[in-house]
Amino acid sequence: MAKKKTTERREWTATDIHKLKGLAKKKAGVDKIARVLKRTVAATAVKASNLGVSLDTRG
């Protein structure tokens, strides 16, 4: 039987949050923000929601 891959959670640093807010303000989109932060789209969306940051890309 194959070994199950375990995921290691990384804490959100102040720098990560600052980048998230800055990119969201520029309306970068959740896909790009997640790639820059090296996190999943879901983790990025949840954190933005918890911070009250909108990831809406509409002008």
PDB file of N, CA and C in Angstrom:
ATOM      1  N   MET A   1       0.828  -1.178   0.000  1.00  0.00           N
ATOM      2  CA  MET A   1       0.000   0.000   0.000  1.00  0.00           C
ATOM      3  C   MET A   1       0.881   1.253   0.000  1.00  0.00           C
ATOM      4  N   ALA A   2       0.519   2.237  -0.804  1.00  0.00           N
ATOM      5  CA  ALA A   2       1.306   3.459  -0.918  1.00  0.00           C
ATOM      6  C   ALA A   2       1.156   4.324   0.329  1.00  0.00           C
ATOM      7  N   LYS A   3       2.228   5.034   0.639  1.00  0.00           N
ATOM      8  CA  LYS A   3       2.170   5.931   1.788  1.00  0.00           C
ATOM      9  C   LYS A   3       1.295   7.140   1.459  1.00  0.00           C
ATOM     10  N   LYS A   4       0.559   7.563   2.435  1.00  0.00           N
ATOM     11  CA  LYS A   4      -0.315   8.711   2.259  1.00  0.00           C
ATOM     12  C   LYS A   4       0.517   9.988   2.427  1.00  0.00           C
ATOM     13  N   LYS A   5       0.360  10.915   1.489  1.00  0.00           N
ATOM     14  CA  LYS A   5       1.111  12.165   1.557  1.00  0.00           C
ATOM     15  C   LYS A   5       0.490  13.064   2.626  1.00  0.00           C
ATOM     16  N   THR A   6       1.308  13.524   3.537  1.00  0.00           N
ATOM     17  CA  THR A   6       0.804  14.417   4.576  1.00  0.00           C
ATOM     18  C   THR A   6       1.081  15.858   4.177  1.00  0.00           C
ATOM     19  N   THR A   7       0.144  16.707   4.496  1.00  0.00           N
ATOM     20  CA  THR A   7       0.328  18.114   4.186  1.00  0.00           C
ATOM     21  C   THR A   7       0.826  18.849   5.421  1.00  0.00           C
ATOM     22  N   GLU A   8       1.719  19.758   5.193  1.00  0.00           N
ATOM     23  CA  GLU A   8       2.267  20.534   6.292  1.00  0.00           C
ATOM     24  C   GLU A   8       1.723  21.951   6.187  1.00  0.00           C
ATOM     25  N   ARG A   9       1.038  22.377   7.218  1.00  0.00           N
ATOM     26  CA  ARG A   9       0.448  23.713   7.213  1.00  0.00           C
ATOM     27  C   ARG A   9       1.503  24.759   7.521  1.00  0.00           C
ATOM     28  N   ARG A  10       1.399  25.874   6.797  1.00  0.00           N
ATOM     29  CA  ARG A  10       2.305  26.988   7.052  1.00  0.00           C
ATOM     30  C   ARG A  10       1.496  28.128   7.642  1.00  0.00           C
ATOM     31  N   GLU A  11       2.042  28.770   8.634  1.00  0.00           N
ATOM     32  CA  GLU A  11       1.383  29.914   9.243  1.00  0.00           C
ATOM     33  C   GLU A  11       1.386  31.089   8.278  1.00  0.00           C
ATOM     34  N   TRP A  12       0.391  31.942   8.388  1.00  0.00           N
ATOM     35  CA  TRP A  12       0.323  33.155   7.576  1.00  0.00           C
ATOM     36  C   TRP A  12       1.167  34.223   8.272  1.00  0.00           C
ATOM     37  N   THR A  13       2.207  34.689   7.614  1.00  0.00           N
ATOM     38  CA  THR A  13       3.059  35.727   8.179  1.00  0.00           C
ATOM     39  C   THR A  13       2.469  37.095   7.866  1.00  0.00           C
ATOM     40  N   ALA A  14       2.971  38.110   8.532  1.00  0.00           N
ATOM     41  CA  ALA A  14       2.523  39.484   8.280  1.00  0.00           C
ATOM     42  C   ALA A  14       2.841  39.882   6.838  1.00  0.00           C
ATOM     43  N   THR A  15       3.951  39.383   6.313  1.00  0.00           N
ATOM     44  CA  THR A  15       4.330  39.667   4.925  1.00  0.00           C
ATOM     45  C   THR A  15       3.338  39.040   3.956  1.00  0.00           C
ATOM     46  N   ASP A  16       2.926  37.803   4.223  1.00  0.00           N
ATOM     47  CA  ASP A  16       1.938  37.137   3.385  1.00  0.00           C
ATOM     48  C   ASP A  16       0.630  37.925   3.346  1.00  0.00           C
ATOM     49  N   ILE A  17       0.184  38.370   4.506  1.00  0.00           N
ATOM     50  CA  ILE A  17      -1.066  39.118   4.594  1.00  0.00           C
ATOM     51  C   ILE A  17      -0.951  40.449   3.864  1.00  0.00           C
ATOM     52  N   HIS A  18       0.199  41.098   3.994  1.00  0.00           N
ATOM     53  CA  HIS A  18       0.435  42.375   3.314  1.00  0.00           C
ATOM     54  C   HIS A  18       0.385  42.182   1.795  1.00  0.00           C
ATOM     55  N   LYS A  19       1.024  41.125   1.295  1.00  0.00           N
ATOM     56  CA  LYS A  19       1.004  40.834  -0.139  1.00  0.00           C
ATOM     57  C   LYS A  19      -0.411  40.520  -0.613  1.00  0.00           C
ATOM     58  N   LEU A  20      -1.134  39.735   0.181  1.00  0.00           N
ATOM     59  CA  LEU A  20      -2.512  39.373  -0.155  1.00  0.00           C
ATOM     60  C   LEU A  20      -3.376  40.618  -0.305  1.00  0.00           C
ATOM     61  N   LYS A  21      -3.289  41.515   0.662  1.00  0.00           N
ATOM     62  CA  LYS A  21      -4.091  42.743   0.615  1.00  0.00           C
ATOM     63  C   LYS A  21      -3.690  43.633  -0.552  1.00  0.00           C
ATOM     64  N   GLY A  22      -2.391  43.740  -0.809  1.00  0.00           N
ATOM     65  CA  GLY A  22      -1.907  44.571  -1.910  1.00  0.00           C
ATOM     66  C   GLY A  22      -2.351  44.057  -3.270  1.00  0.00           C
ATOM     67  N   LEU A  23      -2.233  42.757  -3.478  1.00  0.00           N
ATOM     68  CA  LEU A  23      -2.638  42.168  -4.756  1.00  0.00           C
ATOM     69  C   LEU A  23      -4.149  42.208  -4.926  1.00  0.00           C
ATOM     70  N   ALA A  24      -4.887  42.053  -3.840  1.00  0.00           N
ATOM     71  CA  ALA A  24      -6.345  42.123  -3.913  1.00  0.00           C
ATOM     72  C   ALA A  24      -6.786  43.541  -4.287  1.00  0.00           C
ATOM     73  N   LYS A  25      -6.085  44.521  -3.771  1.00  0.00           N
ATOM     74  CA  LYS A  25      -6.405  45.922  -4.077  1.00  0.00           C
ATOM     75  C   LYS A  25      -6.163  46.218  -5.558  1.00  0.00           C
ATOM     76  N   LYS A  26      -5.157  45.536  -6.137  1.00  0.00           N
ATOM     77  CA  LYS A  26      -4.857  45.704  -7.566  1.00  0.00           C
ATOM     78  C   LYS A  26      -5.753  44.834  -8.436  1.00  0.00           C
ATOM     79  N   LYS A  27      -6.678  44.093  -7.800  1.00  0.00           N
ATOM     80  CA  LYS A  27      -7.627  43.207  -8.486  1.00  0.00           C
ATOM     81  C   LYS A  27      -6.900  42.143  -9.315  1.00  0.00           C
ATOM     82  N   ALA A  28      -5.890  41.514  -8.708  1.00  0.00           N
ATOM     83  CA  ALA A  28      -5.072  40.518  -9.400  1.00  0.00           C
ATOM     84  C   ALA A  28      -5.818  39.207  -9.644  1.00  0.00           C
ATOM     85  N   GLY A  29      -6.771  38.864  -8.821  1.00  0.00           N
ATOM     86  CA  GLY A  29      -7.477  37.591  -8.978  1.00  0.00           C
ATOM     87  C   GLY A  29      -6.894  36.534  -8.063  1.00  0.00           C
ATOM     88  N   VAL A  30      -7.757  35.659  -7.585  1.00  0.00           N
ATOM     89  CA  VAL A  30      -7.350  34.680  -6.585  1.00  0.00           C
ATOM     90  C   VAL A  30      -6.316  33.692  -7.127  1.00  0.00           C
ATOM     91  N   ASP A  31      -6.391  33.340  -8.398  1.00  0.00           N
ATOM     92  CA  ASP A  31      -5.422  32.397  -8.968  1.00  0.00           C
ATOM     93  C   ASP A  31      -4.004  32.958  -8.917  1.00  0.00           C
ATOM     94  N   LYS A  32      -3.847  34.197  -9.352  1.00  0.00           N
ATOM     95  CA  LYS A  32      -2.525  34.820  -9.370  1.00  0.00           C
ATOM     96  C   LYS A  32      -1.998  35.049  -7.952  1.00  0.00           C
ATOM     97  N   ILE A  33      -2.882  35.500  -7.065  1.00  0.00           N
ATOM     98  CA  ILE A  33      -2.473  35.752  -5.681  1.00  0.00           C
ATOM     99  C   ILE A  33      -1.989  34.453  -5.038  1.00  0.00           C
ATOM    100  N   ALA A  34      -2.722  33.370  -5.243  1.00  0.00           N
ATOM    101  CA  ALA A  34      -2.342  32.071  -4.674  1.00  0.00           C
ATOM    102  C   ALA A  34      -0.983  31.621  -5.200  1.00  0.00           C
ATOM    103  N   ARG A  35      -0.744  31.835  -6.491  1.00  0.00           N
ATOM    104  CA  ARG A  35       0.534  31.443  -7.098  1.00  0.00           C
ATOM    105  C   ARG A  35       1.685  32.247  -6.490  1.00  0.00           C
ATOM    106  N   VAL A  36       1.480  33.554  -6.321  1.00  0.00           N
ATOM    107  CA  VAL A  36       2.531  34.416  -5.760  1.00  0.00           C
ATOM    108  C   VAL A  36       2.848  34.005  -4.319  1.00  0.00           C
ATOM    109  N   LEU A  37       1.810  33.678  -3.553  1.00  0.00           N
ATOM    110  CA  LEU A  37       2.000  33.316  -2.147  1.00  0.00           C
ATOM    111  C   LEU A  37       2.389  31.849  -1.957  1.00  0.00           C
ATOM    112  N   LYS A  38       2.392  31.070  -3.061  1.00  0.00           N
ATOM    113  CA  LYS A  38       2.695  29.635  -3.016  1.00  0.00           C
ATOM    114  C   LYS A  38       1.742  28.917  -2.063  1.00  0.00           C
ATOM    115  N   ARG A  39       0.442  29.218  -2.245  1.00  0.00           N
ATOM    116  CA  ARG A  39      -0.606  28.589  -1.459  1.00  0.00           C
ATOM    117  C   ARG A  39      -1.713  28.143  -2.389  1.00  0.00           C
ATOM    118  N   THR A  40      -2.628  27.343  -1.879  1.00  0.00           N
ATOM    119  CA  THR A  40      -3.730  26.892  -2.708  1.00  0.00           C
ATOM    120  C   THR A  40      -4.747  28.022  -2.878  1.00  0.00           C
ATOM    121  N   VAL A  41      -5.553  27.901  -3.922  1.00  0.00           N
ATOM    122  CA  VAL A  41      -6.601  28.890  -4.181  1.00  0.00           C
ATOM    123  C   VAL A  41      -7.578  28.903  -3.011  1.00  0.00           C
ATOM    124  N   ALA A  42      -7.927  27.725  -2.506  1.00  0.00           N
ATOM    125  CA  ALA A  42      -8.877  27.638  -1.399  1.00  0.00           C
ATOM    126  C   ALA A  42      -8.337  28.304  -0.134  1.00  0.00           C
ATOM    127  N   ALA A  43      -7.083  28.047   0.195  1.00  0.00           N
ATOM    128  CA  ALA A  43      -6.484  28.645   1.392  1.00  0.00           C
ATOM    129  C   ALA A  43      -6.431  30.164   1.273  1.00  0.00           C
ATOM    130  N   THR A  44      -6.126  30.635   0.083  1.00  0.00           N
ATOM    131  CA  THR A  44      -6.061  32.080  -0.160  1.00  0.00           C
ATOM    132  C   THR A  44      -7.437  32.709  -0.023  1.00  0.00           C
ATOM    133  N   ALA A  45      -8.442  32.070  -0.595  1.00  0.00           N
ATOM    134  CA  ALA A  45      -9.806  32.596  -0.534  1.00  0.00           C
ATOM    135  C   ALA A  45     -10.331  32.618   0.902  1.00  0.00           C
ATOM    136  N   VAL A  46     -10.048  31.565   1.662  1.00  0.00           N
ATOM    137  CA  VAL A  46     -10.503  31.502   3.052  1.00  0.00           C
ATOM    138  C   VAL A  46      -9.836  32.589   3.886  1.00  0.00           C
ATOM    139  N   LYS A  47      -8.546  32.782   3.706  1.00  0.00           N
ATOM    140  CA  LYS A  47      -7.833  33.795   4.479  1.00  0.00           C
ATOM    141  C   LYS A  47      -8.340  35.189   4.136  1.00  0.00           C
ATOM    142  N   ALA A  48      -8.571  35.451   2.858  1.00  0.00           N
ATOM    143  CA  ALA A  48      -9.097  36.750   2.441  1.00  0.00           C
ATOM    144  C   ALA A  48     -10.471  36.987   3.060  1.00  0.00           C
ATOM    145  N   SER A  49     -11.287  35.964   3.075  1.00  0.00           N
ATOM    146  CA  SER A  49     -12.622  36.074   3.660  1.00  0.00           C
ATOM    147  C   SER A  49     -12.534  36.370   5.153  1.00  0.00           C
ATOM    148  N   ASN A  50     -11.646  35.681   5.840  1.00  0.00           N
ATOM    149  CA  ASN A  50     -11.466  35.907   7.281  1.00  0.00           C
ATOM    150  C   ASN A  50     -10.971  37.318   7.582  1.00  0.00           C
ATOM    151  N   LEU A  51     -10.183  37.877   6.664  1.00  0.00           N
ATOM    152  CA  LEU A  51      -9.658  39.236   6.842  1.00  0.00           C
ATOM    153  C   LEU A  51     -10.642  40.295   6.352  1.00  0.00           C
ATOM    154  N   GLY A  52     -11.693  39.862   5.667  1.00  0.00           N
ATOM    155  CA  GLY A  52     -12.653  40.810   5.123  1.00  0.00           C
ATOM    156  C   GLY A  52     -12.166  41.486   3.861  1.00  0.00           C
ATOM    157  N   VAL A  53     -11.282  40.809   3.125  1.00  0.00           N
ATOM    158  CA  VAL A  53     -10.713  41.342   1.900  1.00  0.00           C
ATOM    159  C   VAL A  53     -11.461  40.755   0.715  1.00  0.00           C
ATOM    160  N   SER A  54     -11.897  41.617  -0.193  1.00  0.00           N
ATOM    161  CA  SER A  54     -12.614  41.153  -1.371  1.00  0.00           C
ATOM    162  C   SER A  54     -11.618  40.742  -2.458  1.00  0.00           C
ATOM    163  N   LEU A  55     -11.871  39.595  -3.081  1.00  0.00           N
ATOM    164  CA  LEU A  55     -11.035  39.134  -4.183  1.00  0.00           C
ATOM    165  C   LEU A  55     -11.760  39.308  -5.523  1.00  0.00           C
ATOM    166  N   ASP A  56     -12.765  40.155  -5.533  1.00  0.00           N
ATOM    167  CA  ASP A  56     -13.545  40.431  -6.736  1.00  0.00           C
ATOM    168  C   ASP A  56     -12.662  41.173  -7.745  1.00  0.00           C
ATOM    169  N   THR A  57     -12.647  40.705  -8.986  1.00  0.00           N
ATOM    170  CA  THR A  57     -11.789  41.317 -10.015  1.00  0.00           C
ATOM    171  C   THR A  57     -12.546  42.300 -10.894  1.00  0.00           C
ATOM    172  N   ARG A  58     -13.826  42.464 -10.637  1.00  0.00           N
ATOM    173  CA  ARG A  58     -14.591  43.407 -11.470  1.00  0.00           C
ATOM    174  C   ARG A  58     -14.221  44.830 -11.112  1.00  0.00           C
ATOM    175  N   GLY A  59     -14.147  45.682 -12.134  1.00  0.00           N
ATOM    176  CA  GLY A  59     -13.728  47.070 -11.975  1.00  0.00           C
ATOM    177  C   GLY A  59     -14.686  47.890 -11.259  1.00  0.00           C
TER     178      GLY A  59
END
